[in-house]
């Protein structure tokens, strides 16, 4: 809700609807999570699922690290100029 109120240009009269639209996908996906978890466990097993999850986290960490190394110096220099 903070994003809707502070960052966006949403009119006060429709803020509640905007928050509802933002919450709908999360609620919908989380409702299917136990079902999908059971399907994945049955098909590929818990061990492989943990391996895939670990690999996804490792990949996400590498992406964040590369992005930080690529953009930090430029952003830091730009802030120091102010």
C-alpha atoms as a PDB file:
ATOM      1  CA  UNK A   1       0.000   0.000   0.000  1.00  0.00           C
ATOM      2  CA  UNK A   2       2.903   2.345   0.613  1.00  0.00           C
ATOM      3  CA  UNK A   3       3.859   2.052  -3.057  1.00  0.00           C
ATOM      4  CA  UNK A   4       0.369   2.974  -4.164  1.00  0.00           C
ATOM      5  CA  UNK A   5       0.217   5.959  -1.818  1.00  0.00           C
ATOM      6  CA  UNK A   6       3.741   7.355  -2.116  1.00  0.00           C
ATOM      7  CA  UNK A   7       5.196   6.493  -5.493  1.00  0.00           C
ATOM      8  CA  UNK A   8       2.344   6.254  -7.961  1.00  0.00           C
ATOM      9  CA  UNK A   9      -0.069   8.828  -9.267  1.00  0.00           C
ATOM     10  CA  UNK A  10      -3.172   6.992  -8.054  1.00  0.00           C
ATOM     11  CA  UNK A  11      -6.100   9.198  -7.116  1.00  0.00           C
ATOM     12  CA  UNK A  12      -7.358   8.958  -3.552  1.00  0.00           C
ATOM     13  CA  UNK A  13     -10.764   7.770  -4.741  1.00  0.00           C
ATOM     14  CA  UNK A  14      -9.317   4.605  -6.325  1.00  0.00           C
ATOM     15  CA  UNK A  15      -6.462   3.733  -3.955  1.00  0.00           C
ATOM     16  CA  UNK A  16      -8.364   0.890  -2.316  1.00  0.00           C
ATOM     17  CA  UNK A  17      -9.014  -0.665  -5.723  1.00  0.00           C
ATOM     18  CA  UNK A  18      -5.349  -0.259  -6.668  1.00  0.00           C
ATOM     19  CA  UNK A  19      -4.264  -2.037  -3.489  1.00  0.00           C
ATOM     20  CA  UNK A  20      -6.750  -4.819  -4.194  1.00  0.00           C
ATOM     21  CA  UNK A  21      -5.383  -5.280  -7.707  1.00  0.00           C
ATOM     22  CA  UNK A  22      -1.840  -5.457  -6.311  1.00  0.00           C
ATOM     23  CA  UNK A  23      -2.839  -8.051  -3.697  1.00  0.00           C
ATOM     24  CA  UNK A  24      -4.844 -10.280  -6.066  1.00  0.00           C
ATOM     25  CA  UNK A  25      -1.936 -11.978  -7.891  1.00  0.00           C
ATOM     26  CA  UNK A  26      -0.116 -12.781  -4.651  1.00  0.00           C
ATOM     27  CA  UNK A  27      -3.188 -14.272  -3.055  1.00  0.00           C
ATOM     28  CA  UNK A  28      -4.002 -16.288  -6.166  1.00  0.00           C
ATOM     29  CA  UNK A  29      -0.501 -17.706  -6.528  1.00  0.00           C
ATOM     30  CA  UNK A  30      -0.178 -18.527  -2.838  1.00  0.00           C
ATOM     31  CA  UNK A  31      -3.432 -20.470  -3.018  1.00  0.00           C
ATOM     32  CA  UNK A  32      -1.947 -22.806  -5.629  1.00  0.00           C
ATOM     33  CA  UNK A  33       1.423 -23.189  -3.877  1.00  0.00           C
ATOM     34  CA  UNK A  34       0.541 -26.266  -1.760  1.00  0.00           C
ATOM     35  CA  UNK A  35      -0.954 -28.025  -4.784  1.00  0.00           C
ATOM     36  CA  UNK A  36       2.012 -27.237  -7.022  1.00  0.00           C
ATOM     37  CA  UNK A  37       4.436 -28.236  -4.256  1.00  0.00           C
ATOM     38  CA  UNK A  38       2.758 -31.637  -4.016  1.00  0.00           C
ATOM     39  CA  UNK A  39       2.835 -32.136  -7.774  1.00  0.00           C
ATOM     40  CA  UNK A  40       6.518 -31.222  -7.969  1.00  0.00           C
ATOM     41  CA  UNK A  41       7.376 -33.440  -4.983  1.00  0.00           C
ATOM     42  CA  UNK A  42       5.601 -36.378  -6.562  1.00  0.00           C
ATOM     43  CA  UNK A  43       7.181 -35.907  -9.995  1.00  0.00           C
ATOM     44  CA  UNK A  44      10.795 -34.916  -9.309  1.00  0.00           C
ATOM     45  CA  UNK A  45      11.317 -35.573  -5.590  1.00  0.00           C
ATOM     46  CA  UNK A  46      12.339 -33.418  -2.668  1.00  0.00           C
ATOM     47  CA  UNK A  47      16.093 -33.818  -3.208  1.00  0.00           C
ATOM     48  CA  UNK A  48      16.029 -32.594  -6.791  1.00  0.00           C
ATOM     49  CA  UNK A  49      13.602 -29.821  -5.834  1.00  0.00           C
ATOM     50  CA  UNK A  50      16.065 -28.578  -3.191  1.00  0.00           C
ATOM     51  CA  UNK A  51      18.862 -28.740  -5.764  1.00  0.00           C
ATOM     52  CA  UNK A  52      16.878 -26.675  -8.255  1.00  0.00           C
ATOM     53  CA  UNK A  53      15.964 -24.188  -5.539  1.00  0.00           C
ATOM     54  CA  UNK A  54      19.598 -23.866  -4.466  1.00  0.00           C
ATOM     55  CA  UNK A  55      20.636 -23.325  -8.062  1.00  0.00           C
ATOM     56  CA  UNK A  56      17.985 -20.642  -8.526  1.00  0.00           C
ATOM     57  CA  UNK A  57      19.165 -18.830  -5.387  1.00  0.00           C
ATOM     58  CA  UNK A  58      22.793 -19.078  -6.525  1.00  0.00           C
ATOM     59  CA  UNK A  59      21.878 -17.666  -9.925  1.00  0.00           C
ATOM     60  CA  UNK A  60      19.892 -14.822  -8.324  1.00  0.00           C
ATOM     61  CA  UNK A  61      22.849 -14.027  -6.057  1.00  0.00           C
ATOM     62  CA  UNK A  62      25.206 -13.913  -9.028  1.00  0.00           C
ATOM     63  CA  UNK A  63      22.859 -11.592 -10.930  1.00  0.00           C
ATOM     64  CA  UNK A  64      22.634  -9.223  -7.950  1.00  0.00           C
ATOM     65  CA  UNK A  65      26.414  -9.310  -7.452  1.00  0.00           C
ATOM     66  CA  UNK A  66      27.126  -8.628 -11.134  1.00  0.00           C
ATOM     67  CA  UNK A  67      24.586  -5.807 -11.191  1.00  0.00           C
ATOM     68  CA  UNK A  68      26.087  -4.260  -8.078  1.00  0.00           C
ATOM     69  CA  UNK A  69      29.636  -4.468  -9.425  1.00  0.00           C
ATOM     70  CA  UNK A  70      28.565  -3.047 -12.763  1.00  0.00           C
ATOM     71  CA  UNK A  71      26.514  -0.096 -11.539  1.00  0.00           C
ATOM     72  CA  UNK A  72      27.754   0.799  -8.050  1.00  0.00           C
ATOM     73  CA  UNK A  73      30.834   2.833  -9.049  1.00  0.00           C
ATOM     74  CA  UNK A  74      28.879   4.942 -11.530  1.00  0.00           C
ATOM     75  CA  UNK A  75      26.000   5.571  -9.120  1.00  0.00           C
ATOM     76  CA  UNK A  76      28.382   6.353  -6.262  1.00  0.00           C
ATOM     77  CA  UNK A  77      30.307   8.854  -8.399  1.00  0.00           C
ATOM     78  CA  UNK A  78      27.088  10.513  -9.515  1.00  0.00           C
ATOM     79  CA  UNK A  79      25.933  10.934  -5.915  1.00  0.00           C
ATOM     80  CA  UNK A  80      29.310  12.335  -4.845  1.00  0.00           C
ATOM     81  CA  UNK A  81      29.021  15.061  -7.512  1.00  0.00           C
ATOM     82  CA  UNK A  82      25.933  16.508  -5.861  1.00  0.00           C
END
